[in-house]
């Protein structure tokens, strides 16, 4: 009788960290986001084309992540948010109203 070894079926976590998986990406993200947050706190951070001062922390973090991507960090993009059923209904009502207005 030959004995067979069972392989343990471990599930690997499919969720990746926001700063990528390798140490180089994490280092780049940490430095870029740190720099942008410093600028944000001292009211020096401005947005791209318009040049307006950044008003929210979320926008400052997004700017830092985009700079890190340009610097070569492998960062996964943010997942798309799902629309709620109520928003879908109102959107379909608006498009239906537009179509009836066009026919007249």
C-alpha atoms as a PDB file:
ATOM      1  CA  UNK A   1       0.000   0.000   0.000  1.00  0.00           C
ATOM      2  CA  UNK A   2       1.367   3.316  -1.017  1.00  0.00           C
ATOM      3  CA  UNK A   3       0.617   6.170   1.317  1.00  0.00           C
ATOM      4  CA  UNK A   4      -0.298   9.450  -0.243  1.00  0.00           C
ATOM      5  CA  UNK A   5       0.198  12.745   1.432  1.00  0.00           C
ATOM      6  CA  UNK A   6      -2.658  15.154   1.405  1.00  0.00           C
ATOM      7  CA  UNK A   7      -1.835  18.659   0.390  1.00  0.00           C
ATOM      8  CA  UNK A   8      -3.246  21.235   2.701  1.00  0.00           C
ATOM      9  CA  UNK A   9      -5.634  23.459   0.823  1.00  0.00           C
ATOM     10  CA  UNK A  10      -4.843  26.879   2.200  1.00  0.00           C
ATOM     11  CA  UNK A  11      -6.626  29.833   0.807  1.00  0.00           C
ATOM     12  CA  UNK A  12      -4.358  32.699   0.064  1.00  0.00           C
ATOM     13  CA  UNK A  13      -5.728  36.107   0.759  1.00  0.00           C
ATOM     14  CA  UNK A  14      -6.859  37.662  -2.504  1.00  0.00           C
ATOM     15  CA  UNK A  15      -6.981  41.135  -1.013  1.00  0.00           C
ATOM     16  CA  UNK A  16      -3.819  43.119  -1.650  1.00  0.00           C
ATOM     17  CA  UNK A  17      -2.619  45.979   0.444  1.00  0.00           C
ATOM     18  CA  UNK A  18      -3.213  49.464  -0.880  1.00  0.00           C
ATOM     19  CA  UNK A  19       0.497  50.091  -1.225  1.00  0.00           C
ATOM     20  CA  UNK A  20       1.259  47.080  -3.400  1.00  0.00           C
ATOM     21  CA  UNK A  21       3.051  43.957  -2.315  1.00  0.00           C
ATOM     22  CA  UNK A  22       6.743  44.592  -2.656  1.00  0.00           C
ATOM     23  CA  UNK A  23       8.815  46.680  -0.222  1.00  0.00           C
ATOM     24  CA  UNK A  24       9.903  49.127  -2.940  1.00  0.00           C
ATOM     25  CA  UNK A  25       6.278  50.080  -3.656  1.00  0.00           C
ATOM     26  CA  UNK A  26       5.543  50.500   0.035  1.00  0.00           C
ATOM     27  CA  UNK A  27       8.569  52.749   0.459  1.00  0.00           C
ATOM     28  CA  UNK A  28       7.578  54.909  -2.510  1.00  0.00           C
ATOM     29  CA  UNK A  29       3.970  55.203  -1.325  1.00  0.00           C
ATOM     30  CA  UNK A  30       4.997  56.073   2.221  1.00  0.00           C
ATOM     31  CA  UNK A  31       7.292  58.856   1.069  1.00  0.00           C
ATOM     32  CA  UNK A  32       4.965  60.348  -1.567  1.00  0.00           C
ATOM     33  CA  UNK A  33       1.837  60.290   0.599  1.00  0.00           C
ATOM     34  CA  UNK A  34       3.879  61.656   3.507  1.00  0.00           C
ATOM     35  CA  UNK A  35       5.103  64.559   1.395  1.00  0.00           C
ATOM     36  CA  UNK A  36       1.631  65.403   0.091  1.00  0.00           C
ATOM     37  CA  UNK A  37       0.084  65.234   3.572  1.00  0.00           C
ATOM     38  CA  UNK A  38       2.791  67.566   4.860  1.00  0.00           C
ATOM     39  CA  UNK A  39       1.998  70.014   2.069  1.00  0.00           C
ATOM     40  CA  UNK A  40      -1.728  69.644   2.769  1.00  0.00           C
ATOM     41  CA  UNK A  41      -1.294  70.420   6.473  1.00  0.00           C
ATOM     42  CA  UNK A  42       0.754  73.515   5.691  1.00  0.00           C
ATOM     43  CA  UNK A  43      -1.727  74.694   3.025  1.00  0.00           C
ATOM     44  CA  UNK A  44       0.855  74.340   0.240  1.00  0.00           C
ATOM     45  CA  UNK A  45      -0.780  71.518  -1.740  1.00  0.00           C
ATOM     46  CA  UNK A  46      -2.586  72.578  -4.893  1.00  0.00           C
ATOM     47  CA  UNK A  47      -4.509  70.511  -7.402  1.00  0.00           C
ATOM     48  CA  UNK A  48      -3.368  69.828 -10.959  1.00  0.00           C
ATOM     49  CA  UNK A  49      -4.510  72.150 -13.722  1.00  0.00           C
ATOM     50  CA  UNK A  50      -6.643  74.603 -11.789  1.00  0.00           C
ATOM     51  CA  UNK A  51      -4.009  75.250  -9.138  1.00  0.00           C
ATOM     52  CA  UNK A  52      -6.619  75.602  -6.388  1.00  0.00           C
ATOM     53  CA  UNK A  53      -5.680  74.676  -2.835  1.00  0.00           C
ATOM     54  CA  UNK A  54      -6.712  71.169  -1.844  1.00  0.00           C
ATOM     55  CA  UNK A  55      -9.605  71.196   0.643  1.00  0.00           C
ATOM     56  CA  UNK A  56      -9.993  67.566   1.745  1.00  0.00           C
ATOM     57  CA  UNK A  57      -7.743  64.844   3.151  1.00  0.00           C
ATOM     58  CA  UNK A  58      -9.143  62.284   0.712  1.00  0.00           C
ATOM     59  CA  UNK A  59      -8.097  64.431  -2.231  1.00  0.00           C
ATOM     60  CA  UNK A  60      -4.622  64.883  -0.732  1.00  0.00           C
ATOM     61  CA  UNK A  61      -4.213  61.112  -0.325  1.00  0.00           C
ATOM     62  CA  UNK A  62      -5.396  60.553  -3.902  1.00  0.00           C
ATOM     63  CA  UNK A  63      -2.790  63.026  -5.164  1.00  0.00           C
ATOM     64  CA  UNK A  64      -0.093  61.234  -3.153  1.00  0.00           C
ATOM     65  CA  UNK A  65      -1.094  57.846  -4.562  1.00  0.00           C
ATOM     66  CA  UNK A  66      -1.091  59.133  -8.132  1.00  0.00           C
ATOM     67  CA  UNK A  67       2.387  60.616  -7.632  1.00  0.00           C
ATOM     68  CA  UNK A  68       3.551  57.260  -6.258  1.00  0.00           C
ATOM     69  CA  UNK A  69       2.131  55.493  -9.333  1.00  0.00           C
ATOM     70  CA  UNK A  70       4.082  57.890 -11.574  1.00  0.00           C
ATOM     71  CA  UNK A  71       7.220  57.125  -9.546  1.00  0.00           C
ATOM     72  CA  UNK A  72       6.817  53.411 -10.289  1.00  0.00           C
ATOM     73  CA  UNK A  73       4.909  51.973  -7.330  1.00  0.00           C
ATOM     74  CA  UNK A  74       2.600  49.102  -8.185  1.00  0.00           C
ATOM     75  CA  UNK A  75      -0.635  50.213  -6.544  1.00  0.00           C
ATOM     76  CA  UNK A  76      -3.976  48.636  -7.400  1.00  0.00           C
ATOM     77  CA  UNK A  77      -6.664  51.075  -8.450  1.00  0.00           C
ATOM     78  CA  UNK A  78      -9.569  51.746  -6.126  1.00  0.00           C
ATOM     79  CA  UNK A  79     -12.541  49.419  -6.621  1.00  0.00           C
ATOM     80  CA  UNK A  80     -15.564  50.916  -8.355  1.00  0.00           C
ATOM     81  CA  UNK A  81     -18.401  51.756  -6.014  1.00  0.00           C
ATOM     82  CA  UNK A  82     -21.706  50.039  -6.637  1.00  0.00           C
ATOM     83  CA  UNK A  83     -24.780  52.185  -7.181  1.00  0.00           C
ATOM     84  CA  UNK A  84     -27.687  51.624  -4.862  1.00  0.00           C
ATOM     85  CA  UNK A  85     -31.054  50.529  -6.220  1.00  0.00           C
ATOM     86  CA  UNK A  86     -32.646  53.888  -5.317  1.00  0.00           C
ATOM     87  CA  UNK A  87     -30.094  55.815  -7.375  1.00  0.00           C
ATOM     88  CA  UNK A  88     -30.610  53.490 -10.343  1.00  0.00           C
ATOM     89  CA  UNK A  89     -34.368  54.082 -10.228  1.00  0.00           C
ATOM     90  CA  UNK A  90     -34.049  57.868 -10.153  1.00  0.00           C
ATOM     91  CA  UNK A  91     -31.499  57.759 -12.965  1.00  0.00           C
ATOM     92  CA  UNK A  92     -33.821  55.670 -15.132  1.00  0.00           C
ATOM     93  CA  UNK A  93     -36.725  58.054 -14.405  1.00  0.00           C
ATOM     94  CA  UNK A  94     -34.609  61.026 -15.485  1.00  0.00           C
ATOM     95  CA  UNK A  95     -33.581  59.387 -18.750  1.00  0.00           C
ATOM     96  CA  UNK A  96     -37.191  58.404 -19.452  1.00  0.00           C
ATOM     97  CA  UNK A  97     -38.313  61.998 -18.861  1.00  0.00           C
ATOM     98  CA  UNK A  98     -35.627  63.250 -21.264  1.00  0.00           C
ATOM     99  CA  UNK A  99     -36.746  60.805 -23.962  1.00  0.00           C
ATOM    100  CA  UNK A 100     -40.381  61.914 -23.692  1.00  0.00           C
ATOM    101  CA  UNK A 101     -39.324  65.572 -23.844  1.00  0.00           C
ATOM    102  CA  UNK A 102     -37.393  64.935 -27.052  1.00  0.00           C
ATOM    103  CA  UNK A 103     -40.363  63.311 -28.787  1.00  0.00           C
ATOM    104  CA  UNK A 104     -42.533  66.417 -28.351  1.00  0.00           C
END
